[in-house]
Amino acid sequence: MRSDIVIFLGPTVPVREAQGYLDAIYLPPAGRGDVLRAMAEHAPRAILLIDGVFAEAPGVRHQEILFALSRGVEVHGASSMGALRAAELSSEGMVGHGLIYRWYRRFPLADDADVAVPMAPAEFGSARLGDPLIDVRMTLRKAERAGVIDMELRGQLEEAAGSLHFRDRTYPLLLAIVEAGFNRSDQLAALKAWLKTGAISQKRSDAITALRLLSDKRTTTDIQPEHPAFELTESFACDMKACNLLENLLPGFNHF
């Protein structure tokens, strides 16, 4: 296994499949402190952030990524938490990939929860247990263009999907809610059958795009940008101390 790239991956693409695109060190979805842990344990030349924890635990900190960049580590993001952080830190040198990244760059006030999905614990493979709103919206618009549903039903389904908490959002529940409130059983039945092959997973597509790009990048020589300066803040130092990572960040630093 190549140890020069670390990838944080969970429900978006199965790790076994991802390994077919890019041989690397695969770690579970990133949370607070995990980027620094990966740097300390693996010393990668590049990090690809795809999936991260959301709501159930503190997310990966922006300053962790800035610290990695300041130490010459390439940091890439796509698809899910990676797309969010890349959109927020593109001006600092983080590299984003895919449509979802570009969408968050264009609409900085878009809801982070649009890409969130519930997932199984890391020890059970971080499997996806729901459907992200961004994929649902794209799928419904594709279904309308294909003539499976009309504009009115698409609007009703999108509204219902947006009203669901991300932990509860699944196609079966969404169809059941709309079927109970509207007399559209014919189109809903057609949509249910169509979803088996027609559903879009933009998160998956973006993740695979990023994996392929990093795989291709190994065969090229790129001019590295200047490393951005890193400013340690008191809040970040305290946060990293709580994660038992402050010594890794700044050996001998004990002011907090």
C-alpha atoms as a PDB file:
ATOM      1  CA  MET A   1       0.000   0.000   0.000  1.00  0.00           C
ATOM      2  CA  ARG A   2       1.291   3.450  -0.913  1.00  0.00           C
ATOM      3  CA  SER A   3       1.620   5.631   2.159  1.00  0.00           C
ATOM      4  CA  ASP A   4       1.992   9.045   0.512  1.00  0.00           C
ATOM      5  CA  ILE A   5      -1.749   9.792   0.298  1.00  0.00           C
ATOM      6  CA  VAL A   6      -4.308   9.612   3.102  1.00  0.00           C
ATOM      7  CA  ILE A   7      -8.005   9.539   2.238  1.00  0.00           C
ATOM      8  CA  PHE A   8     -10.887  10.086   4.645  1.00  0.00           C
ATOM      9  CA  LEU A   9     -13.764   8.046   3.271  1.00  0.00           C
ATOM     10  CA  GLY A  10     -16.998   6.623   4.638  1.00  0.00           C
ATOM     11  CA  PRO A  11     -20.484   6.269   3.170  1.00  0.00           C
ATOM     12  CA  THR A  12     -19.881   7.965  -0.187  1.00  0.00           C
ATOM     13  CA  VAL A  13     -17.935   5.120  -1.840  1.00  0.00           C
ATOM     14  CA  PRO A  14     -17.064   1.712  -0.348  1.00  0.00           C
ATOM     15  CA  VAL A  15     -13.379   1.592   0.542  1.00  0.00           C
ATOM     16  CA  ARG A  16     -12.868  -1.648  -1.374  1.00  0.00           C
ATOM     17  CA  GLU A  17     -14.148   0.017  -4.537  1.00  0.00           C
ATOM     18  CA  ALA A  18     -12.142   3.192  -3.934  1.00  0.00           C
ATOM     19  CA  GLN A  19      -8.948   1.145  -3.673  1.00  0.00           C
ATOM     20  CA  GLY A  20      -9.496   0.124  -7.284  1.00  0.00           C
ATOM     21  CA  TYR A  21      -9.147   3.773  -8.313  1.00  0.00           C
ATOM     22  CA  LEU A  22      -6.375   4.819  -5.948  1.00  0.00           C
ATOM     23  CA  ASP A  23      -4.087   2.776  -3.722  1.00  0.00           C
ATOM     24  CA  ALA A  24      -3.699   4.800  -0.534  1.00  0.00           C
ATOM     25  CA  ILE A  25      -4.216   4.804   3.220  1.00  0.00           C
ATOM     26  CA  TYR A  26      -7.963   4.919   3.852  1.00  0.00           C
ATOM     27  CA  LEU A  27      -9.256   6.257   7.158  1.00  0.00           C
ATOM     28  CA  PRO A  28     -12.846   6.645   8.462  1.00  0.00           C
ATOM     29  CA  PRO A  29     -14.719   9.961   8.094  1.00  0.00           C
ATOM     30  CA  ALA A  30     -12.679  12.793   9.572  1.00  0.00           C
ATOM     31  CA  GLY A  31     -13.580  14.514  12.801  1.00  0.00           C
ATOM     32  CA  ARG A  32     -11.823  17.031  14.995  1.00  0.00           C
ATOM     33  CA  GLY A  33      -8.123  16.255  15.231  1.00  0.00           C
ATOM     34  CA  ASP A  34      -8.041  13.519  12.597  1.00  0.00           C
ATOM     35  CA  VAL A  35      -6.091  15.486   9.986  1.00  0.00           C
ATOM     36  CA  LEU A  36      -3.352  16.161  12.537  1.00  0.00           C
ATOM     37  CA  ARG A  37      -3.366  12.523  13.634  1.00  0.00           C
ATOM     38  CA  ALA A  38      -2.944  11.453  10.024  1.00  0.00           C
ATOM     39  CA  MET A  39       0.010  13.819   9.620  1.00  0.00           C
ATOM     40  CA  ALA A  40       1.673  12.547  12.788  1.00  0.00           C
ATOM     41  CA  GLU A  41       1.128   8.859  12.023  1.00  0.00           C
ATOM     42  CA  HIS A  42       1.562   8.711   8.244  1.00  0.00           C
ATOM     43  CA  ALA A  43       3.415  11.884   7.136  1.00  0.00           C
ATOM     44  CA  PRO A  44       1.514  11.986   3.819  1.00  0.00           C
ATOM     45  CA  ARG A  45       2.389  14.250   0.915  1.00  0.00           C
ATOM     46  CA  ALA A  46      -1.334  14.642   0.180  1.00  0.00           C
ATOM     47  CA  ILE A  47      -4.674  14.286   1.948  1.00  0.00           C
ATOM     48  CA  LEU A  48      -8.036  13.799   0.245  1.00  0.00           C
ATOM     49  CA  LEU A  49     -10.999  14.661   2.441  1.00  0.00           C
ATOM     50  CA  ILE A  50     -14.243  13.159   1.184  1.00  0.00           C
ATOM     51  CA  ASP A  51     -16.342  12.209   4.206  1.00  0.00           C
ATOM     52  CA  GLY A  52     -16.398  13.743   7.666  1.00  0.00           C
ATOM     53  CA  VAL A  53     -18.430  13.351  10.814  1.00  0.00           C
ATOM     54  CA  PHE A  54     -21.365  15.712  11.127  1.00  0.00           C
ATOM     55  CA  ALA A  55     -23.604  16.443  14.127  1.00  0.00           C
ATOM     56  CA  GLU A  56     -22.741  13.322  16.140  1.00  0.00           C
ATOM     57  CA  ALA A  57     -19.195  14.571  16.908  1.00  0.00           C
ATOM     58  CA  PRO A  58     -17.106  17.728  16.305  1.00  0.00           C
ATOM     59  CA  GLY A  59     -16.153  18.110  12.654  1.00  0.00           C
ATOM     60  CA  VAL A  60     -12.691  18.510  11.198  1.00  0.00           C
ATOM     61  CA  ARG A  61     -11.397  21.984  11.992  1.00  0.00           C
ATOM     62  CA  HIS A  62     -10.472  24.498   9.320  1.00  0.00           C
ATOM     63  CA  GLN A  63      -7.217  25.244  11.138  1.00  0.00           C
ATOM     64  CA  GLU A  64      -6.170  21.601  10.947  1.00  0.00           C
ATOM     65  CA  ILE A  65      -6.299  21.894   7.186  1.00  0.00           C
ATOM     66  CA  LEU A  66      -4.475  25.223   7.255  1.00  0.00           C
ATOM     67  CA  PHE A  67      -1.780  23.655   9.431  1.00  0.00           C
ATOM     68  CA  ALA A  68      -1.366  20.793   6.955  1.00  0.00           C
ATOM     69  CA  LEU A  69      -1.108  23.251   4.062  1.00  0.00           C
ATOM     70  CA  SER A  70       1.490  25.294   5.949  1.00  0.00           C
ATOM     71  CA  ARG A  71       3.606  22.152   6.288  1.00  0.00           C
ATOM     72  CA  GLY A  72       3.576  21.478   2.555  1.00  0.00           C
ATOM     73  CA  VAL A  73       0.859  18.813   2.510  1.00  0.00           C
ATOM     74  CA  GLU A  74      -1.498  18.988  -0.468  1.00  0.00           C
ATOM     75  CA  VAL A  75      -5.073  18.944   0.829  1.00  0.00           C
ATOM     76  CA  HIS A  76      -7.890  18.053  -1.573  1.00  0.00           C
ATOM     77  CA  GLY A  77     -11.627  17.923  -0.967  1.00  0.00           C
ATOM     78  CA  ALA A  78     -14.678  16.587  -2.772  1.00  0.00           C
ATOM     79  CA  SER A  79     -18.200  15.309  -2.518  1.00  0.00           C
ATOM     80  CA  SER A  80     -19.235  15.814   1.105  1.00  0.00           C
ATOM     81  CA  MET A  81     -17.381  17.410   4.026  1.00  0.00           C
ATOM     82  CA  GLY A  82     -14.430  17.654   1.654  1.00  0.00           C
ATOM     83  CA  ALA A  83     -16.410  19.812  -0.771  1.00  0.00           C
ATOM     84  CA  LEU A  84     -17.527  22.085   2.061  1.00  0.00           C
ATOM     85  CA  ARG A  85     -14.047  22.623   3.461  1.00  0.00           C
ATOM     86  CA  ALA A  86     -12.521  23.065   0.001  1.00  0.00           C
ATOM     87  CA  ALA A  87     -15.102  25.724  -0.886  1.00  0.00           C
ATOM     88  CA  GLU A  88     -14.335  27.536   2.372  1.00  0.00           C
ATOM     89  CA  LEU A  89     -10.533  27.252   2.089  1.00  0.00           C
ATOM     90  CA  SER A  90      -9.881  27.434  -1.650  1.00  0.00           C
ATOM     91  CA  SER A  91      -8.281  30.856  -1.242  1.00  0.00           C
ATOM     92  CA  GLU A  92      -5.846  29.312   1.264  1.00  0.00           C
ATOM     93  CA  GLY A  93      -4.696  26.557  -1.067  1.00  0.00           C
ATOM     94  CA  MET A  94      -7.077  23.648  -0.500  1.00  0.00           C
ATOM     95  CA  VAL A  95      -8.010  22.093  -3.834  1.00  0.00           C
ATOM     96  CA  GLY A  96     -11.641  21.215  -4.539  1.00  0.00           C
ATOM     97  CA  HIS A  97     -12.998  18.777  -7.098  1.00  0.00           C
ATOM     98  CA  GLY A  98     -16.421  18.093  -8.570  1.00  0.00           C
ATOM     99  CA  LEU A  99     -19.808  19.658  -9.083  1.00  0.00           C
ATOM    100  CA  ILE A 100     -20.743  19.819  -5.398  1.00  0.00           C
ATOM    101  CA  TYR A 101     -17.559  21.724  -4.587  1.00  0.00           C
ATOM    102  CA  ARG A 102     -18.295  24.193  -7.389  1.00  0.00           C
ATOM    103  CA  TRP A 103     -21.877  24.561  -6.155  1.00  0.00           C
ATOM    104  CA  TYR A 104     -20.755  25.487  -2.626  1.00  0.00           C
ATOM    105  CA  ARG A 105     -18.210  27.897  -4.081  1.00  0.00           C
ATOM    106  CA  ARG A 106     -20.965  29.614  -6.066  1.00  0.00           C
ATOM    107  CA  PHE A 107     -23.503  29.606  -3.222  1.00  0.00           C
ATOM    108  CA  PRO A 108     -21.524  30.091   0.006  1.00  0.00           C
ATOM    109  CA  LEU A 109     -24.704  30.333   2.110  1.00  0.00           C
ATOM    110  CA  ALA A 110     -26.013  26.948   0.948  1.00  0.00           C
ATOM    111  CA  ASP A 111     -26.875  24.612   3.822  1.00  0.00           C
ATOM    112  CA  ASP A 112     -24.128  22.212   4.899  1.00  0.00           C
ATOM    113  CA  ALA A 113     -26.811  19.636   5.658  1.00  0.00           C
ATOM    114  CA  ASP A 114     -27.614  19.303   1.950  1.00  0.00           C
ATOM    115  CA  VAL A 115     -24.765  16.779   1.661  1.00  0.00           C
ATOM    116  CA  ALA A 116     -25.237  15.147   5.077  1.00  0.00           C
ATOM    117  CA  VAL A 117     -26.308  11.529   5.483  1.00  0.00           C
ATOM    118  CA  PRO A 118     -26.655   9.304   8.537  1.00  0.00           C
ATOM    119  CA  MET A 119     -24.047   6.575   8.620  1.00  0.00           C
ATOM    120  CA  ALA A 120     -23.180   3.484  10.583  1.00  0.00           C
ATOM    121  CA  PRO A 121     -20.304   3.656  13.097  1.00  0.00           C
ATOM    122  CA  ALA A 122     -16.792   3.403  11.660  1.00  0.00           C
ATOM    123  CA  GLU A 123     -16.355  -0.082  13.110  1.00  0.00           C
ATOM    124  CA  PHE A 124     -19.266  -1.177  10.912  1.00  0.00           C
ATOM    125  CA  GLY A 125     -17.859   0.434   7.783  1.00  0.00           C
ATOM    126  CA  SER A 126     -19.537   3.861   7.993  1.00  0.00           C
ATOM    127  CA  ALA A 127     -22.262   2.594   5.642  1.00  0.00           C
ATOM    128  CA  ARG A 128     -24.774   5.108   4.306  1.00  0.00           C
ATOM    129  CA  LEU A 129     -28.173   4.922   6.013  1.00  0.00           C
ATOM    130  CA  GLY A 130     -30.047   7.627   4.120  1.00  0.00           C
ATOM    131  CA  ASP A 131     -30.093   9.824   1.023  1.00  0.00           C
ATOM    132  CA  PRO A 132     -28.478  13.292   0.857  1.00  0.00           C
ATOM    133  CA  LEU A 133     -30.710  16.156  -0.169  1.00  0.00           C
ATOM    134  CA  ILE A 134     -28.420  17.259  -2.992  1.00  0.00           C
ATOM    135  CA  ASP A 135     -28.696  13.820  -4.623  1.00  0.00           C
ATOM    136  CA  VAL A 136     -32.465  13.716  -4.086  1.00  0.00           C
ATOM    137  CA  ARG A 137     -32.953  17.080  -5.788  1.00  0.00           C
ATOM    138  CA  MET A 138     -30.800  16.146  -8.769  1.00  0.00           C
ATOM    139  CA  THR A 139     -32.561  12.809  -9.098  1.00  0.00           C
ATOM    140  CA  LEU A 140     -36.040  14.350  -9.026  1.00  0.00           C
ATOM    141  CA  ARG A 141     -35.114  16.890 -11.694  1.00  0.00           C
ATOM    142  CA  LYS A 142     -33.708  14.105 -13.850  1.00  0.00           C
ATOM    143  CA  ALA A 143     -36.979  12.183 -13.362  1.00  0.00           C
ATOM    144  CA  GLU A 144     -38.969  15.239 -14.471  1.00  0.00           C
ATOM    145  CA  ARG A 145     -36.813  15.682 -17.590  1.00  0.00           C
ATOM    146  CA  ALA A 146     -37.323  11.987 -18.375  1.00  0.00           C
ATOM    147  CA  GLY A 147     -41.116  12.394 -18.134  1.00  0.00           C
ATOM    148  CA  VAL A 148     -41.441  10.057 -15.141  1.00  0.00           C
ATOM    149  CA  ILE A 149     -43.024  12.780 -12.982  1.00  0.00           C
ATOM    150  CA  ASP A 150     -44.421  16.212 -13.751  1.00  0.00           C
ATOM    151  CA  MET A 151     -43.214  19.567 -12.435  1.00  0.00           C
ATOM    152  CA  GLU A 152     -45.925  19.770  -9.786  1.00  0.00           C
ATOM    153  CA  LEU A 153     -45.048  16.410  -8.231  1.00  0.00           C
ATOM    154  CA  ARG A 154     -41.356  17.159  -8.425  1.00  0.00           C
ATOM    155  CA  GLY A 155     -41.962  20.350  -6.444  1.00  0.00           C
ATOM    156  CA  GLN A 156     -44.016  18.479  -3.847  1.00  0.00           C
ATOM    157  CA  LEU A 157     -41.323  15.842  -3.448  1.00  0.00           C
ATOM    158  CA  GLU A 158     -38.539  18.424  -3.165  1.00  0.00           C
ATOM    159  CA  GLU A 159     -40.473  20.348  -0.531  1.00  0.00           C
ATOM    160  CA  ALA A 160     -41.102  17.169   1.458  1.00  0.00           C
ATOM    161  CA  ALA A 161     -37.450  16.119   1.156  1.00  0.00           C
ATOM    162  CA  GLY A 162     -36.285  19.501   2.402  1.00  0.00           C
ATOM    163  CA  SER A 163     -38.575  19.285   5.429  1.00  0.00           C
ATOM    164  CA  LEU A 164     -37.048  15.992   6.584  1.00  0.00           C
ATOM    165  CA  HIS A 165     -34.108  15.933   8.987  1.00  0.00           C
ATOM    166  CA  PHE A 166     -31.070  14.479   7.251  1.00  0.00           C
ATOM    167  CA  ARG A 167     -31.133  11.475   9.598  1.00  0.00           C
ATOM    168  CA  ASP A 168     -34.633  10.542   8.374  1.00  0.00           C
ATOM    169  CA  ARG A 169     -34.321  11.278   4.659  1.00  0.00           C
ATOM    170  CA  THR A 170     -34.774   8.176   2.500  1.00  0.00           C
ATOM    171  CA  TYR A 171     -36.598   7.656  -0.773  1.00  0.00           C
ATOM    172  CA  PRO A 172     -39.112   5.154   0.722  1.00  0.00           C
ATOM    173  CA  LEU A 173     -40.100   7.605   3.487  1.00  0.00           C
ATOM    174  CA  LEU A 174     -40.252  10.515   1.047  1.00  0.00           C
ATOM    175  CA  LEU A 175     -42.560   8.642  -1.331  1.00  0.00           C
ATOM    176  CA  ALA A 176     -44.764   7.492   1.549  1.00  0.00           C
ATOM    177  CA  ILE A 177     -45.161  11.064   2.849  1.00  0.00           C
ATOM    178  CA  VAL A 178     -46.162  12.462  -0.536  1.00  0.00           C
ATOM    179  CA  GLU A 179     -48.435   9.519  -1.344  1.00  0.00           C
ATOM    180  CA  ALA A 180     -50.321  10.091   1.904  1.00  0.00           C
ATOM    181  CA  GLY A 181     -50.867  13.769   1.166  1.00  0.00           C
ATOM    182  CA  PHE A 182     -51.500  13.829  -2.577  1.00  0.00           C
ATOM    183  CA  ASN A 183     -53.421  11.680  -5.011  1.00  0.00           C
ATOM    184  CA  ARG A 184     -50.467  10.933  -7.290  1.00  0.00           C
ATOM    185  CA  SER A 185     -50.141   7.167  -6.906  1.00  0.00           C
ATOM    186  CA  ASP A 186     -49.635   6.537 -10.645  1.00  0.00           C
ATOM    187  CA  GLN A 187     -46.619   8.800 -10.983  1.00  0.00           C
ATOM    188  CA  LEU A 188     -45.232   7.750  -7.611  1.00  0.00           C
ATOM    189  CA  ALA A 189     -45.375   4.099  -8.644  1.00  0.00           C
ATOM    190  CA  ALA A 190     -43.535   4.936 -11.863  1.00  0.00           C
ATOM    191  CA  LEU A 191     -40.942   6.933  -9.921  1.00  0.00           C
ATOM    192  CA  LYS A 192     -40.395   4.113  -7.443  1.00  0.00           C
ATOM    193  CA  ALA A 193     -39.597   1.719 -10.274  1.00  0.00           C
ATOM    194  CA  TRP A 194     -37.449   4.277 -12.106  1.00  0.00           C
ATOM    195  CA  LEU A 195     -35.327   5.028  -9.034  1.00  0.00           C
ATOM    196  CA  LYS A 196     -33.804   1.533  -9.126  1.00  0.00           C
ATOM    197  CA  THR A 197     -31.695   2.535 -12.122  1.00  0.00           C
ATOM    198  CA  GLY A 198     -32.267   6.260 -12.542  1.00  0.00           C
ATOM    199  CA  ALA A 199     -31.239   7.717  -9.176  1.00  0.00           C
ATOM    200  CA  ILE A 200     -28.261  10.082  -9.243  1.00  0.00           C
ATOM    201  CA  SER A 201     -25.443   9.955  -6.701  1.00  0.00           C
ATOM    202  CA  GLN A 202     -23.511  13.133  -7.365  1.00  0.00           C
ATOM    203  CA  LYS A 203     -21.532  12.663  -4.165  1.00  0.00           C
ATOM    204  CA  ARG A 204     -20.293   9.313  -5.438  1.00  0.00           C
ATOM    205  CA  SER A 205     -19.457  10.718  -8.883  1.00  0.00           C
ATOM    206  CA  ASP A 206     -17.473  13.601  -7.402  1.00  0.00           C
ATOM    207  CA  ALA A 207     -15.567  11.279  -5.076  1.00  0.00           C
ATOM    208  CA  ILE A 208     -14.566   8.976  -7.925  1.00  0.00           C
ATOM    209  CA  THR A 209     -13.486  11.987  -9.997  1.00  0.00           C
ATOM    210  CA  ALA A 210     -11.192  13.113  -7.175  1.00  0.00           C
ATOM    211  CA  LEU A 211      -9.748   9.612  -6.694  1.00  0.00           C
ATOM    212  CA  ARG A 212      -8.959   9.351 -10.404  1.00  0.00           C
ATOM    213  CA  LEU A 213      -7.383  12.802 -10.532  1.00  0.00           C
ATOM    214  CA  LEU A 214      -5.090  12.058  -7.606  1.00  0.00           C
ATOM    215  CA  SER A 215      -4.152   8.737  -9.147  1.00  0.00           C
ATOM    216  CA  ASP A 216      -3.218  10.463 -12.413  1.00  0.00           C
ATOM    217  CA  LYS A 217      -1.375  13.199 -10.509  1.00  0.00           C
ATOM    218  CA  ARG A 218       1.160  10.690  -9.245  1.00  0.00           C
ATOM    219  CA  THR A 219       2.603  10.417 -12.729  1.00  0.00           C
ATOM    220  CA  THR A 220       3.068  14.159 -13.200  1.00  0.00           C
ATOM    221  CA  THR A 221       5.400  16.763 -11.751  1.00  0.00           C
ATOM    222  CA  ASP A 222       3.529  19.780 -10.451  1.00  0.00           C
ATOM    223  CA  ILE A 223       4.863  23.167  -9.390  1.00  0.00           C
ATOM    224  CA  GLN A 224       4.060  23.437  -5.703  1.00  0.00           C
ATOM    225  CA  PRO A 225       2.518  26.705  -4.489  1.00  0.00           C
ATOM    226  CA  GLU A 226       4.038  28.670  -1.643  1.00  0.00           C
ATOM    227  CA  HIS A 227       3.047  27.294   1.719  1.00  0.00           C
ATOM    228  CA  PRO A 228       0.612  29.599   3.529  1.00  0.00           C
ATOM    229  CA  ALA A 229       1.593  30.893   6.944  1.00  0.00           C
ATOM    230  CA  PHE A 230      -0.101  29.286   9.926  1.00  0.00           C
ATOM    231  CA  GLU A 231      -1.270  31.313  12.914  1.00  0.00           C
ATOM    232  CA  LEU A 232      -1.912  29.344  16.081  1.00  0.00           C
ATOM    233  CA  THR A 233      -4.934  30.620  17.993  1.00  0.00           C
ATOM    234  CA  GLU A 234      -5.751  30.022  21.643  1.00  0.00           C
ATOM    235  CA  SER A 235      -9.045  28.310  20.810  1.00  0.00           C
ATOM    236  CA  PHE A 236      -7.344  25.920  18.385  1.00  0.00           C
ATOM    237  CA  ALA A 237      -4.551  25.138  20.837  1.00  0.00           C
ATOM    238  CA  CYS A 238      -7.098  24.357  23.547  1.00  0.00           C
ATOM    239  CA  ASP A 239      -9.069  22.218  21.117  1.00  0.00           C
ATOM    240  CA  MET A 240      -6.002  20.230  20.123  1.00  0.00           C
ATOM    241  CA  LYS A 241      -4.972  19.843  23.754  1.00  0.00           C
ATOM    242  CA  ALA A 242      -8.390  18.295  24.427  1.00  0.00           C
ATOM    243  CA  CYS A 243      -7.624  15.811  21.626  1.00  0.00           C
ATOM    244  CA  ASN A 244      -4.157  15.083  23.086  1.00  0.00           C
ATOM    245  CA  LEU A 245      -2.625  16.466  19.901  1.00  0.00           C
ATOM    246  CA  LEU A 246      -1.039  19.727  21.020  1.00  0.00           C
ATOM    247  CA  GLU A 247       2.354  18.104  21.555  1.00  0.00           C
ATOM    248  CA  ASN A 248       2.267  16.812  17.973  1.00  0.00           C
ATOM    249  CA  LEU A 249       1.292  20.228  16.701  1.00  0.00           C
ATOM    250  CA  LEU A 250       4.007  22.106  18.592  1.00  0.00           C
ATOM    251  CA  PRO A 251       6.419  19.868  20.559  1.00  0.00           C
ATOM    252  CA  GLY A 252       7.224  21.374  23.931  1.00  0.00           C
ATOM    253  CA  PHE A 253       4.328  23.824  23.744  1.00  0.00           C
ATOM    254  CA  ASN A 254       2.583  23.914  27.146  1.00  0.00           C
ATOM    255  CA  HIS A 255       1.182  27.407  27.547  1.00  0.00           C
ATOM    256  CA  PHE A 256      -2.422  26.207  27.691  1.00  0.00           C
END
